Amino acid sequence: NDFDPDNDLALIEIKESLPLIEESPTFAQRGWWTMAIGNPYDPLNEAVLINNTTFGYISNVLDNTYNYTTATINHGNSGGPLINSRGQLIGINTWASSGTEDGTWNIAVDSDVLCDLLYKCD
């Protein structure tokens, strides 16, 4: 598979050689500092916000799969990394929602899901 619609994940191949982000050897835990990176589109200015970065912490981890973070995940951040304080990958930015009834949710799927479903990691 090259995509997983349930977790909003996809693999793409590019020709450019990019440095790798080291994966965290442990699952994220409540209280961990986080940084969400992405390139969201700003429709008001018709511009892409290159390497937009927001900061927060892990507020919950559900089933060792879903990392709930207070770092804001903007539209267009999907697929970007969620990084811990050591600069290690802990998740892939996936969902964000906000509302007066349900509050604000920013969720990154644990990076192991990418390995399990899309790419056979070593």
C-alpha atoms as a PDB file:
ATOM      1  CA  ASN A   1       0.000   0.000   0.000  1.00  0.00           C
ATOM      2  CA  ASP A   2       1.076   3.553  -0.691  1.00  0.00           C
ATOM      3  CA  PHE A   3      -1.685   5.179   1.366  1.00  0.00           C
ATOM      4  CA  ASP A   4      -3.841   4.619   4.437  1.00  0.00           C
ATOM      5  CA  PRO A   5      -7.038   6.714   4.288  1.00  0.00           C
ATOM      6  CA  ASP A   6      -8.077   5.715   7.833  1.00  0.00           C
ATOM      7  CA  ASN A   7      -5.010   7.429   9.311  1.00  0.00           C
ATOM      8  CA  ASP A   8      -4.554  10.078   6.598  1.00  0.00           C
ATOM      9  CA  LEU A   9      -1.110   8.702   5.689  1.00  0.00           C
ATOM     10  CA  ALA A  10       0.556   8.339   2.315  1.00  0.00           C
ATOM     11  CA  LEU A  11       4.027   7.647   1.007  1.00  0.00           C
ATOM     12  CA  ILE A  12       5.406   9.776  -1.777  1.00  0.00           C
ATOM     13  CA  GLU A  13       8.682   9.415  -3.591  1.00  0.00           C
ATOM     14  CA  ILE A  14      10.813  12.445  -4.321  1.00  0.00           C
ATOM     15  CA  LYS A  15      14.099  12.791  -6.184  1.00  0.00           C
ATOM     16  CA  GLU A  16      15.631  15.254  -3.717  1.00  0.00           C
ATOM     17  CA  SER A  17      17.876  13.794  -1.020  1.00  0.00           C
ATOM     18  CA  LEU A  18      16.743  15.049   2.392  1.00  0.00           C
ATOM     19  CA  PRO A  19      18.237  14.457   5.844  1.00  0.00           C
ATOM     20  CA  LEU A  20      16.366  11.889   7.920  1.00  0.00           C
ATOM     21  CA  ILE A  21      14.710  12.595  11.246  1.00  0.00           C
ATOM     22  CA  GLU A  22      15.665  10.014  13.844  1.00  0.00           C
ATOM     23  CA  GLU A  23      12.676   8.113  15.210  1.00  0.00           C
ATOM     24  CA  SER A  24      12.081   8.110  18.968  1.00  0.00           C
ATOM     25  CA  PRO A  25      12.919   4.695  20.427  1.00  0.00           C
ATOM     26  CA  THR A  26       9.932   4.920  22.827  1.00  0.00           C
ATOM     27  CA  PHE A  27       6.271   5.821  22.520  1.00  0.00           C
ATOM     28  CA  ALA A  28       5.354   9.377  23.433  1.00  0.00           C
ATOM     29  CA  GLN A  29       4.211   9.998  26.998  1.00  0.00           C
ATOM     30  CA  ARG A  30       2.017  12.620  28.640  1.00  0.00           C
ATOM     31  CA  GLY A  31       3.909  15.798  29.373  1.00  0.00           C
ATOM     32  CA  TRP A  32       6.502  15.403  26.606  1.00  0.00           C
ATOM     33  CA  TRP A  33       7.339  18.681  24.858  1.00  0.00           C
ATOM     34  CA  THR A  34       6.325  18.628  21.176  1.00  0.00           C
ATOM     35  CA  MET A  35       6.906  20.587  18.009  1.00  0.00           C
ATOM     36  CA  ALA A  36       4.583  20.215  14.991  1.00  0.00           C
ATOM     37  CA  ILE A  37       6.084  21.197  11.635  1.00  0.00           C
ATOM     38  CA  GLY A  38       4.227  21.649   8.371  1.00  0.00           C
ATOM     39  CA  ASN A  39       3.524  23.845   5.390  1.00  0.00           C
ATOM     40  CA  PRO A  40      -0.094  25.008   5.749  1.00  0.00           C
ATOM     41  CA  TYR A  41      -1.752  27.091   3.077  1.00  0.00           C
ATOM     42  CA  ASP A  42      -3.042  30.546   4.021  1.00  0.00           C
ATOM     43  CA  PRO A  43      -6.048  31.181   1.737  1.00  0.00           C
ATOM     44  CA  LEU A  44      -6.373  34.832   2.819  1.00  0.00           C
ATOM     45  CA  ASN A  45      -2.924  35.696   1.479  1.00  0.00           C
ATOM     46  CA  GLU A  46      -2.738  32.844  -1.045  1.00  0.00           C
ATOM     47  CA  ALA A  47       0.582  31.764   0.420  1.00  0.00           C
ATOM     48  CA  VAL A  48       2.140  28.609   1.807  1.00  0.00           C
ATOM     49  CA  LEU A  49       3.602  29.074   5.281  1.00  0.00           C
ATOM     50  CA  ILE A  50       6.890  27.232   4.771  1.00  0.00           C
ATOM     51  CA  ASN A  51       8.139  25.254   7.781  1.00  0.00           C
ATOM     52  CA  ASN A  52       5.442  26.617  10.069  1.00  0.00           C
ATOM     53  CA  THR A  53       6.221  25.397  13.576  1.00  0.00           C
ATOM     54  CA  THR A  54       4.015  25.249  16.655  1.00  0.00           C
ATOM     55  CA  PHE A  55       4.966  24.069  20.132  1.00  0.00           C
ATOM     56  CA  GLY A  56       3.127  22.218  22.869  1.00  0.00           C
ATOM     57  CA  TYR A  57       3.149  19.006  24.863  1.00  0.00           C
ATOM     58  CA  ILE A  58       1.578  15.547  24.758  1.00  0.00           C
ATOM     59  CA  SER A  59      -1.734  15.675  26.615  1.00  0.00           C
ATOM     60  CA  ASN A  60      -2.738  12.056  25.952  1.00  0.00           C
ATOM     61  CA  VAL A  61      -1.620   8.943  24.095  1.00  0.00           C
ATOM     62  CA  LEU A  62      -4.382   6.588  22.997  1.00  0.00           C
ATOM     63  CA  ASP A  63      -3.605   2.929  22.211  1.00  0.00           C
ATOM     64  CA  ASN A  64       0.105   3.712  21.562  1.00  0.00           C
ATOM     65  CA  THR A  65      -1.145   5.095  18.244  1.00  0.00           C
ATOM     66  CA  TYR A  66      -2.709   8.537  18.617  1.00  0.00           C
ATOM     67  CA  ASN A  67      -0.648  11.349  20.132  1.00  0.00           C
ATOM     68  CA  TYR A  68      -2.842  14.184  21.376  1.00  0.00           C
ATOM     69  CA  THR A  69      -0.761  17.363  21.455  1.00  0.00           C
ATOM     70  CA  THR A  70      -1.354  20.963  22.391  1.00  0.00           C
ATOM     71  CA  ALA A  71       0.921  21.997  19.493  1.00  0.00           C
ATOM     72  CA  THR A  72      -1.490  23.415  16.914  1.00  0.00           C
ATOM     73  CA  ILE A  73      -1.830  21.364  13.746  1.00  0.00           C
ATOM     74  CA  ASN A  74      -3.051  23.696  11.013  1.00  0.00           C
ATOM     75  CA  HIS A  75      -4.753  22.712   7.763  1.00  0.00           C
ATOM     76  CA  GLY A  76      -1.937  21.662   5.465  1.00  0.00           C
ATOM     77  CA  ASN A  77       0.266  20.327   8.280  1.00  0.00           C
ATOM     78  CA  SER A  78      -0.889  16.757   7.597  1.00  0.00           C
ATOM     79  CA  GLY A  79       2.069  14.561   6.859  1.00  0.00           C
ATOM     80  CA  GLY A  80       4.514  16.780   8.696  1.00  0.00           C
ATOM     81  CA  PRO A  81       6.480  15.518  11.682  1.00  0.00           C
ATOM     82  CA  LEU A  82       5.624  15.773  15.369  1.00  0.00           C
ATOM     83  CA  ILE A  83       8.993  16.031  17.123  1.00  0.00           C
ATOM     84  CA  ASN A  84      10.002  15.575  20.779  1.00  0.00           C
ATOM     85  CA  SER A  85      12.487  17.725  22.732  1.00  0.00           C
ATOM     86  CA  ARG A  86      15.384  15.584  21.456  1.00  0.00           C
ATOM     87  CA  GLY A  87      14.517  16.281  17.828  1.00  0.00           C
ATOM     88  CA  GLN A  88      13.186  12.746  17.351  1.00  0.00           C
ATOM     89  CA  LEU A  89      10.108  11.816  15.341  1.00  0.00           C
ATOM     90  CA  ILE A  90       7.190  10.710  17.514  1.00  0.00           C
ATOM     91  CA  GLY A  91       4.312  11.048  15.076  1.00  0.00           C
ATOM     92  CA  ILE A  92       2.878  12.194  11.782  1.00  0.00           C
ATOM     93  CA  ASN A  93       0.573  15.245  12.030  1.00  0.00           C
ATOM     94  CA  THR A  94      -2.848  13.997  11.004  1.00  0.00           C
ATOM     95  CA  TRP A  95      -6.008  15.574  12.432  1.00  0.00           C
ATOM     96  CA  ALA A  96      -7.064  18.852  13.966  1.00  0.00           C
ATOM     97  CA  SER A  97     -10.446  20.143  14.997  1.00  0.00           C
ATOM     98  CA  SER A  98     -11.803  22.834  17.234  1.00  0.00           C
ATOM     99  CA  GLY A  99     -15.203  23.899  18.404  1.00  0.00           C
ATOM    100  CA  THR A 100     -17.053  25.307  21.356  1.00  0.00           C
ATOM    101  CA  GLU A 101     -18.624  21.961  22.289  1.00  0.00           C
ATOM    102  CA  ASP A 102     -15.738  19.521  21.846  1.00  0.00           C
ATOM    103  CA  GLY A 103     -12.746  21.794  22.434  1.00  0.00           C
ATOM    104  CA  THR A 104      -9.553  21.643  20.414  1.00  0.00           C
ATOM    105  CA  TRP A 105      -7.946  18.406  19.221  1.00  0.00           C
ATOM    106  CA  ASN A 106      -4.553  18.089  17.544  1.00  0.00           C
ATOM    107  CA  ILE A 107      -3.598  14.500  16.789  1.00  0.00           C
ATOM    108  CA  ALA A 108      -0.492  12.923  15.303  1.00  0.00           C
ATOM    109  CA  VAL A 109      -0.453   9.225  14.426  1.00  0.00           C
ATOM    110  CA  ASP A 110       2.512   7.425  15.986  1.00  0.00           C
ATOM    111  CA  SER A 111       5.306   6.898  13.477  1.00  0.00           C
ATOM    112  CA  ASP A 112       5.149   3.107  14.014  1.00  0.00           C
ATOM    113  CA  VAL A 113       1.777   3.098  12.214  1.00  0.00           C
ATOM    114  CA  LEU A 114       3.563   4.356   9.105  1.00  0.00           C
ATOM    115  CA  CYS A 115       6.008   1.452   9.369  1.00  0.00           C
ATOM    116  CA  ASP A 116       3.318  -1.135  10.099  1.00  0.00           C
ATOM    117  CA  LEU A 117       0.892  -0.114   7.357  1.00  0.00           C
ATOM    118  CA  LEU A 118       2.822   1.513   4.535  1.00  0.00           C
ATOM    119  CA  TYR A 119       6.555   0.977   4.690  1.00  0.00           C
ATOM    120  CA  LYS A 120       8.337  -2.080   5.966  1.00  0.00           C
ATOM    121  CA  CYS A 121      10.817  -0.497   8.367  1.00  0.00           C
ATOM    122  CA  ASP A 122      13.817  -2.450   9.609  1.00  0.00           C
END
